[in-house]
């Protein structure tokens, strides 16, 4: 029952956006999105760094300074909290990747979806990821995905794939093993299907683990 209520809540948000969007131009929606992203950055004291500085720092972000790198071509902001145990996905490799996540809608400033709470606890979002010469593609497994349950699409948000070239994929095999963990700010065009259609940005906390 709680799961149904949670998903109905998402539907209500989507319908509300659809109603508002009828009186807005796409340019208005993009302006609203940019305002929401900028407000989030200010509210959380985020220090935005360039890709050049990110590279000089060894493709890492200084969490103590609350750094996020902005990828100009996509508009995605990323903070690497932990690069994780293991190794990056190799070129030509396809792997199962397991994710725990929290999704927040930046327009409404509310939690929108997560598989990190009790009644979704058994459902780890599973996706099949392929690295083709540095270009990453992925799809959710509809049998194991809260994102699929909520949005009825196997498409993985492009924003979720941005960290993959900078993190390691491994498993918790020893007491010192760590999962890769990132924070993201994802504009609508790099987000899940409803965000793209209704033009709203989301923030994410995501862990990435190599599946079996």
C-alpha atoms as a PDB file:
ATOM      1  CA  UNK A   1       0.000   0.000   0.000  1.00  0.00           C
ATOM      2  CA  UNK A   2       2.830   2.413   0.843  1.00  0.00           C
ATOM      3  CA  UNK A   3       4.500   1.665  -2.490  1.00  0.00           C
ATOM      4  CA  UNK A   4       1.260   2.408  -4.352  1.00  0.00           C
ATOM      5  CA  UNK A   5       0.795   5.660  -2.433  1.00  0.00           C
ATOM      6  CA  UNK A   6       4.357   6.694  -3.219  1.00  0.00           C
ATOM      7  CA  UNK A   7       3.908   6.075  -6.938  1.00  0.00           C
ATOM      8  CA  UNK A   8       0.557   7.871  -6.927  1.00  0.00           C
ATOM      9  CA  UNK A   9       2.325  10.828  -5.381  1.00  0.00           C
ATOM     10  CA  UNK A  10       4.722  10.908  -8.316  1.00  0.00           C
ATOM     11  CA  UNK A  11       1.779  10.792 -10.714  1.00  0.00           C
ATOM     12  CA  UNK A  12       0.207  13.753  -8.917  1.00  0.00           C
ATOM     13  CA  UNK A  13       3.410  15.768  -9.334  1.00  0.00           C
ATOM     14  CA  UNK A  14       3.558  14.910 -13.031  1.00  0.00           C
ATOM     15  CA  UNK A  15      -0.062  15.941 -13.565  1.00  0.00           C
ATOM     16  CA  UNK A  16       0.529  19.196 -11.720  1.00  0.00           C
ATOM     17  CA  UNK A  17       3.467  19.976 -13.984  1.00  0.00           C
ATOM     18  CA  UNK A  18       1.412  19.119 -17.050  1.00  0.00           C
ATOM     19  CA  UNK A  19      -1.289  21.549 -15.949  1.00  0.00           C
ATOM     20  CA  UNK A  20       1.210  24.356 -15.346  1.00  0.00           C
ATOM     21  CA  UNK A  21       3.064  23.676 -18.560  1.00  0.00           C
ATOM     22  CA  UNK A  22      -0.030  24.422 -20.670  1.00  0.00           C
ATOM     23  CA  UNK A  23       0.350  28.128 -19.850  1.00  0.00           C
ATOM     24  CA  UNK A  24       4.146  28.272 -20.210  1.00  0.00           C
ATOM     25  CA  UNK A  25       6.412  28.392 -23.240  1.00  0.00           C
ATOM     26  CA  UNK A  26       9.375  26.045 -23.432  1.00  0.00           C
ATOM     27  CA  UNK A  27      11.660  29.041 -22.901  1.00  0.00           C
ATOM     28  CA  UNK A  28       9.724  29.851 -19.701  1.00  0.00           C
ATOM     29  CA  UNK A  29      10.181  26.285 -18.520  1.00  0.00           C
ATOM     30  CA  UNK A  30      13.930  26.365 -19.188  1.00  0.00           C
ATOM     31  CA  UNK A  31      14.227  29.659 -17.306  1.00  0.00           C
ATOM     32  CA  UNK A  32      12.382  28.140 -14.363  1.00  0.00           C
ATOM     33  CA  UNK A  33      14.666  25.108 -14.491  1.00  0.00           C
ATOM     34  CA  UNK A  34      17.830  27.244 -14.485  1.00  0.00           C
ATOM     35  CA  UNK A  35      16.490  29.282 -11.582  1.00  0.00           C
ATOM     36  CA  UNK A  36      15.811  26.096  -9.603  1.00  0.00           C
ATOM     37  CA  UNK A  37      19.319  24.764 -10.255  1.00  0.00           C
ATOM     38  CA  UNK A  38      20.948  28.058  -9.269  1.00  0.00           C
ATOM     39  CA  UNK A  39      18.809  28.279  -6.131  1.00  0.00           C
ATOM     40  CA  UNK A  40      19.836  24.723  -5.163  1.00  0.00           C
ATOM     41  CA  UNK A  41      23.520  25.573  -5.654  1.00  0.00           C
ATOM     42  CA  UNK A  42      23.219  28.654  -3.444  1.00  0.00           C
ATOM     43  CA  UNK A  43      21.110  26.922  -0.787  1.00  0.00           C
ATOM     44  CA  UNK A  44      23.589  24.064  -0.400  1.00  0.00           C
ATOM     45  CA  UNK A  45      26.748  26.172  -0.613  1.00  0.00           C
ATOM     46  CA  UNK A  46      28.050  24.314  -3.654  1.00  0.00           C
ATOM     47  CA  UNK A  47      31.353  25.445  -5.177  1.00  0.00           C
ATOM     48  CA  UNK A  48      31.192  24.860  -8.935  1.00  0.00           C
ATOM     49  CA  UNK A  49      34.483  24.023 -10.650  1.00  0.00           C
ATOM     50  CA  UNK A  50      35.332  23.770 -14.346  1.00  0.00           C
ATOM     51  CA  UNK A  51      36.175  20.580 -16.204  1.00  0.00           C
ATOM     52  CA  UNK A  52      39.726  21.905 -16.552  1.00  0.00           C
ATOM     53  CA  UNK A  53      40.120  22.249 -12.793  1.00  0.00           C
ATOM     54  CA  UNK A  54      38.485  18.835 -12.313  1.00  0.00           C
ATOM     55  CA  UNK A  55      41.118  17.281 -14.587  1.00  0.00           C
ATOM     56  CA  UNK A  56      43.948  19.087 -12.776  1.00  0.00           C
ATOM     57  CA  UNK A  57      42.664  17.591  -9.519  1.00  0.00           C
ATOM     58  CA  UNK A  58      42.942  14.075 -10.969  1.00  0.00           C
ATOM     59  CA  UNK A  59      39.268  13.846 -11.941  1.00  0.00           C
ATOM     60  CA  UNK A  60      38.150  14.237  -8.357  1.00  0.00           C
ATOM     61  CA  UNK A  61      36.072  16.771  -6.450  1.00  0.00           C
ATOM     62  CA  UNK A  62      37.060  18.079  -3.024  1.00  0.00           C
ATOM     63  CA  UNK A  63      34.134  17.082  -0.818  1.00  0.00           C
ATOM     64  CA  UNK A  64      35.475  19.169   2.082  1.00  0.00           C
ATOM     65  CA  UNK A  65      34.959  22.240  -0.142  1.00  0.00           C
ATOM     66  CA  UNK A  66      31.638  20.905  -1.451  1.00  0.00           C
ATOM     67  CA  UNK A  67      32.928  21.004  -5.025  1.00  0.00           C
ATOM     68  CA  UNK A  68      30.802  19.957  -7.986  1.00  0.00           C
ATOM     69  CA  UNK A  69      32.204  19.871 -11.513  1.00  0.00           C
ATOM     70  CA  UNK A  70      29.980  21.284 -14.262  1.00  0.00           C
ATOM     71  CA  UNK A  71      30.068  19.430 -17.570  1.00  0.00           C
ATOM     72  CA  UNK A  72      29.287  22.253 -19.957  1.00  0.00           C
ATOM     73  CA  UNK A  73      28.088  20.122 -22.869  1.00  0.00           C
ATOM     74  CA  UNK A  74      25.354  18.395 -20.857  1.00  0.00           C
ATOM     75  CA  UNK A  75      24.701  20.828 -17.995  1.00  0.00           C
ATOM     76  CA  UNK A  76      25.183  18.002 -15.470  1.00  0.00           C
ATOM     77  CA  UNK A  77      26.900  18.821 -12.161  1.00  0.00           C
ATOM     78  CA  UNK A  78      28.733  16.026 -10.338  1.00  0.00           C
ATOM     79  CA  UNK A  79      30.366  15.532  -6.969  1.00  0.00           C
ATOM     80  CA  UNK A  80      32.341  12.330  -6.445  1.00  0.00           C
ATOM     81  CA  UNK A  81      32.026  11.333  -2.811  1.00  0.00           C
ATOM     82  CA  UNK A  82      33.905   8.044  -3.255  1.00  0.00           C
ATOM     83  CA  UNK A  83      35.427   6.558  -6.414  1.00  0.00           C
ATOM     84  CA  UNK A  84      34.828   3.085  -5.020  1.00  0.00           C
ATOM     85  CA  UNK A  85      36.628  -0.231  -4.978  1.00  0.00           C
ATOM     86  CA  UNK A  86      37.283  -2.146  -8.201  1.00  0.00           C
ATOM     87  CA  UNK A  87      38.031  -0.811 -11.665  1.00  0.00           C
ATOM     88  CA  UNK A  88      36.297   1.289 -14.307  1.00  0.00           C
ATOM     89  CA  UNK A  89      34.119  -0.284 -16.966  1.00  0.00           C
ATOM     90  CA  UNK A  90      36.496  -1.151 -19.802  1.00  0.00           C
ATOM     91  CA  UNK A  91      35.982  -0.175 -23.427  1.00  0.00           C
ATOM     92  CA  UNK A  92      33.986  -2.871 -25.176  1.00  0.00           C
ATOM     93  CA  UNK A  93      32.691  -4.238 -21.866  1.00  0.00           C
ATOM     94  CA  UNK A  94      29.074  -4.767 -20.864  1.00  0.00           C
ATOM     95  CA  UNK A  95      28.299  -5.184 -17.180  1.00  0.00           C
ATOM     96  CA  UNK A  96      25.393  -5.322 -14.784  1.00  0.00           C
ATOM     97  CA  UNK A  97      25.422  -2.314 -12.481  1.00  0.00           C
ATOM     98  CA  UNK A  98      23.350  -2.079  -9.298  1.00  0.00           C
ATOM     99  CA  UNK A  99      22.270   1.311  -7.988  1.00  0.00           C
ATOM    100  CA  UNK A 100      20.773   2.717  -4.826  1.00  0.00           C
ATOM    101  CA  UNK A 101      19.513   6.246  -5.310  1.00  0.00           C
ATOM    102  CA  UNK A 102      17.511   9.171  -4.016  1.00  0.00           C
ATOM    103  CA  UNK A 103      15.834  11.526  -6.494  1.00  0.00           C
ATOM    104  CA  UNK A 104      14.748  15.053  -5.516  1.00  0.00           C
ATOM    105  CA  UNK A 105      12.674  17.370  -7.686  1.00  0.00           C
ATOM    106  CA  UNK A 106      14.371  20.781  -7.613  1.00  0.00           C
ATOM    107  CA  UNK A 107      11.294  22.719  -8.702  1.00  0.00           C
ATOM    108  CA  UNK A 108       9.184  21.482  -5.790  1.00  0.00           C
ATOM    109  CA  UNK A 109      12.230  20.970  -3.512  1.00  0.00           C
ATOM    110  CA  UNK A 110      10.913  17.575  -2.438  1.00  0.00           C
ATOM    111  CA  UNK A 111      11.918  13.938  -2.376  1.00  0.00           C
ATOM    112  CA  UNK A 112      10.376  12.359  -5.453  1.00  0.00           C
ATOM    113  CA  UNK A 113      11.668   8.788  -5.607  1.00  0.00           C
ATOM    114  CA  UNK A 114      14.109   6.477  -3.839  1.00  0.00           C
ATOM    115  CA  UNK A 115      14.967   2.815  -3.405  1.00  0.00           C
ATOM    116  CA  UNK A 116      16.898   3.537  -0.208  1.00  0.00           C
ATOM    117  CA  UNK A 117      13.945   3.309   2.183  1.00  0.00           C
ATOM    118  CA  UNK A 118      12.413   0.261   3.787  1.00  0.00           C
ATOM    119  CA  UNK A 119       9.458  -0.572   1.537  1.00  0.00           C
ATOM    120  CA  UNK A 120      11.652  -0.382  -1.574  1.00  0.00           C
ATOM    121  CA  UNK A 121      14.595  -1.948   0.258  1.00  0.00           C
ATOM    122  CA  UNK A 122      14.565  -5.235  -1.633  1.00  0.00           C
ATOM    123  CA  UNK A 123      14.579  -3.533  -5.032  1.00  0.00           C
ATOM    124  CA  UNK A 124      18.039  -2.482  -6.168  1.00  0.00           C
ATOM    125  CA  UNK A 125      17.878  -0.753  -9.528  1.00  0.00           C
ATOM    126  CA  UNK A 126      19.631  -3.058 -11.964  1.00  0.00           C
ATOM    127  CA  UNK A 127      20.900  -1.819 -15.296  1.00  0.00           C
ATOM    128  CA  UNK A 128      22.930  -3.259 -18.142  1.00  0.00           C
ATOM    129  CA  UNK A 129      25.702  -0.841 -19.127  1.00  0.00           C
ATOM    130  CA  UNK A 130      27.953  -0.938 -22.198  1.00  0.00           C
ATOM    131  CA  UNK A 131      31.094   1.101 -22.794  1.00  0.00           C
ATOM    132  CA  UNK A 132      31.557   1.569 -26.538  1.00  0.00           C
ATOM    133  CA  UNK A 133      34.831   3.432 -27.057  1.00  0.00           C
ATOM    134  CA  UNK A 134      34.067   5.761 -24.148  1.00  0.00           C
ATOM    135  CA  UNK A 135      30.371   6.218 -24.943  1.00  0.00           C
ATOM    136  CA  UNK A 136      28.091   4.669 -22.335  1.00  0.00           C
ATOM    137  CA  UNK A 137      24.632   3.260 -22.989  1.00  0.00           C
ATOM    138  CA  UNK A 138      22.372   1.530 -20.508  1.00  0.00           C
ATOM    139  CA  UNK A 139      18.902   0.157 -19.845  1.00  0.00           C
ATOM    140  CA  UNK A 140      17.045  -0.737 -16.661  1.00  0.00           C
ATOM    141  CA  UNK A 141      15.902  -4.281 -15.951  1.00  0.00           C
ATOM    142  CA  UNK A 142      12.100  -3.897 -15.664  1.00  0.00           C
ATOM    143  CA  UNK A 143      12.049  -6.810 -13.199  1.00  0.00           C
ATOM    144  CA  UNK A 144      14.332  -4.967 -10.783  1.00  0.00           C
ATOM    145  CA  UNK A 145      13.991  -1.196 -11.031  1.00  0.00           C
ATOM    146  CA  UNK A 146      12.102   1.378  -8.980  1.00  0.00           C
ATOM    147  CA  UNK A 147      12.828   3.869 -11.768  1.00  0.00           C
ATOM    148  CA  UNK A 148      11.037   1.582 -14.224  1.00  0.00           C
ATOM    149  CA  UNK A 149       8.112   1.087 -11.820  1.00  0.00           C
ATOM    150  CA  UNK A 150       7.697   4.834 -11.460  1.00  0.00           C
ATOM    151  CA  UNK A 151       8.302   6.028 -15.016  1.00  0.00           C
ATOM    152  CA  UNK A 152       7.529   2.929 -17.118  1.00  0.00           C
ATOM    153  CA  UNK A 153      10.687   3.281 -19.180  1.00  0.00           C
ATOM    154  CA  UNK A 154      13.833   1.170 -19.345  1.00  0.00           C
ATOM    155  CA  UNK A 155      15.849   4.206 -20.484  1.00  0.00           C
ATOM    156  CA  UNK A 156      18.531   5.176 -17.988  1.00  0.00           C
ATOM    157  CA  UNK A 157      18.841   8.960 -17.553  1.00  0.00           C
ATOM    158  CA  UNK A 158      21.879  10.207 -19.454  1.00  0.00           C
ATOM    159  CA  UNK A 159      22.918  12.060 -16.309  1.00  0.00           C
ATOM    160  CA  UNK A 160      23.324   8.766 -14.459  1.00  0.00           C
ATOM    161  CA  UNK A 161      25.935   7.648 -17.007  1.00  0.00           C
ATOM    162  CA  UNK A 162      28.174  10.714 -16.671  1.00  0.00           C
ATOM    163  CA  UNK A 163      30.066   9.413 -13.589  1.00  0.00           C
ATOM    164  CA  UNK A 164      30.929   6.042 -15.124  1.00  0.00           C
ATOM    165  CA  UNK A 165      34.200   7.101 -16.739  1.00  0.00           C
ATOM    166  CA  UNK A 166      35.429   8.521 -13.424  1.00  0.00           C
ATOM    167  CA  UNK A 167      34.446   5.830 -10.909  1.00  0.00           C
ATOM    168  CA  UNK A 168      35.262   2.202 -10.199  1.00  0.00           C
ATOM    169  CA  UNK A 169      32.777  -0.628 -10.259  1.00  0.00           C
ATOM    170  CA  UNK A 170      33.328  -3.295  -7.650  1.00  0.00           C
ATOM    171  CA  UNK A 171      31.663  -5.322  -4.927  1.00  0.00           C
ATOM    172  CA  UNK A 172      31.823  -5.274  -1.134  1.00  0.00           C
ATOM    173  CA  UNK A 173      34.106  -8.282  -0.753  1.00  0.00           C
ATOM    174  CA  UNK A 174      36.247  -7.078   2.179  1.00  0.00           C
ATOM    175  CA  UNK A 175      35.716  -4.863   5.242  1.00  0.00           C
ATOM    176  CA  UNK A 176      37.597  -2.058   3.473  1.00  0.00           C
ATOM    177  CA  UNK A 177      35.677  -2.274   0.184  1.00  0.00           C
ATOM    178  CA  UNK A 178      33.631   0.777  -0.762  1.00  0.00           C
ATOM    179  CA  UNK A 179      30.946   1.438  -3.347  1.00  0.00           C
ATOM    180  CA  UNK A 180      31.311   4.321  -5.760  1.00  0.00           C
ATOM    181  CA  UNK A 181      29.069   7.166  -4.604  1.00  0.00           C
ATOM    182  CA  UNK A 182      28.217  10.435  -6.332  1.00  0.00           C
ATOM    183  CA  UNK A 183      25.875  13.384  -6.097  1.00  0.00           C
ATOM    184  CA  UNK A 184      24.393  14.810  -9.289  1.00  0.00           C
ATOM    185  CA  UNK A 185      22.369  17.788 -10.437  1.00  0.00           C
ATOM    186  CA  UNK A 186      20.653  16.688 -13.643  1.00  0.00           C
ATOM    187  CA  UNK A 187      18.826  19.092 -15.976  1.00  0.00           C
ATOM    188  CA  UNK A 188      15.651  17.878 -17.659  1.00  0.00           C
ATOM    189  CA  UNK A 189      17.225  16.970 -20.992  1.00  0.00           C
ATOM    190  CA  UNK A 190      19.627  14.585 -19.231  1.00  0.00           C
ATOM    191  CA  UNK A 191      17.001  13.198 -16.856  1.00  0.00           C
ATOM    192  CA  UNK A 192      14.292  10.557 -16.699  1.00  0.00           C
ATOM    193  CA  UNK A 193      11.407  10.635 -19.148  1.00  0.00           C
ATOM    194  CA  UNK A 194       8.979  12.658 -16.995  1.00  0.00           C
ATOM    195  CA  UNK A 195      11.617  15.261 -16.169  1.00  0.00           C
ATOM    196  CA  UNK A 196      12.348  15.646 -19.875  1.00  0.00           C
ATOM    197  CA  UNK A 197       8.685  15.966 -20.824  1.00  0.00           C
ATOM    198  CA  UNK A 198       7.720  18.326 -17.990  1.00  0.00           C
ATOM    199  CA  UNK A 199      11.052  20.213 -17.915  1.00  0.00           C
ATOM    200  CA  UNK A 200      12.273  19.962 -14.335  1.00  0.00           C
ATOM    201  CA  UNK A 201      15.738  19.258 -12.899  1.00  0.00           C
ATOM    202  CA  UNK A 202      16.535  16.660 -10.256  1.00  0.00           C
ATOM    203  CA  UNK A 203      19.310  16.068  -7.773  1.00  0.00           C
ATOM    204  CA  UNK A 204      20.517  12.553  -7.061  1.00  0.00           C
ATOM    205  CA  UNK A 205      22.553  10.640  -4.525  1.00  0.00           C
ATOM    206  CA  UNK A 206      23.618   7.387  -6.220  1.00  0.00           C
ATOM    207  CA  UNK A 207      25.817   4.405  -5.402  1.00  0.00           C
ATOM    208  CA  UNK A 208      27.141   2.143  -8.152  1.00  0.00           C
ATOM    209  CA  UNK A 209      28.024  -1.520  -7.625  1.00  0.00           C
ATOM    210  CA  UNK A 210      29.141  -4.156 -10.092  1.00  0.00           C
ATOM    211  CA  UNK A 211      26.576  -6.943 -10.356  1.00  0.00           C
ATOM    212  CA  UNK A 212      27.265 -10.636 -10.724  1.00  0.00           C
END
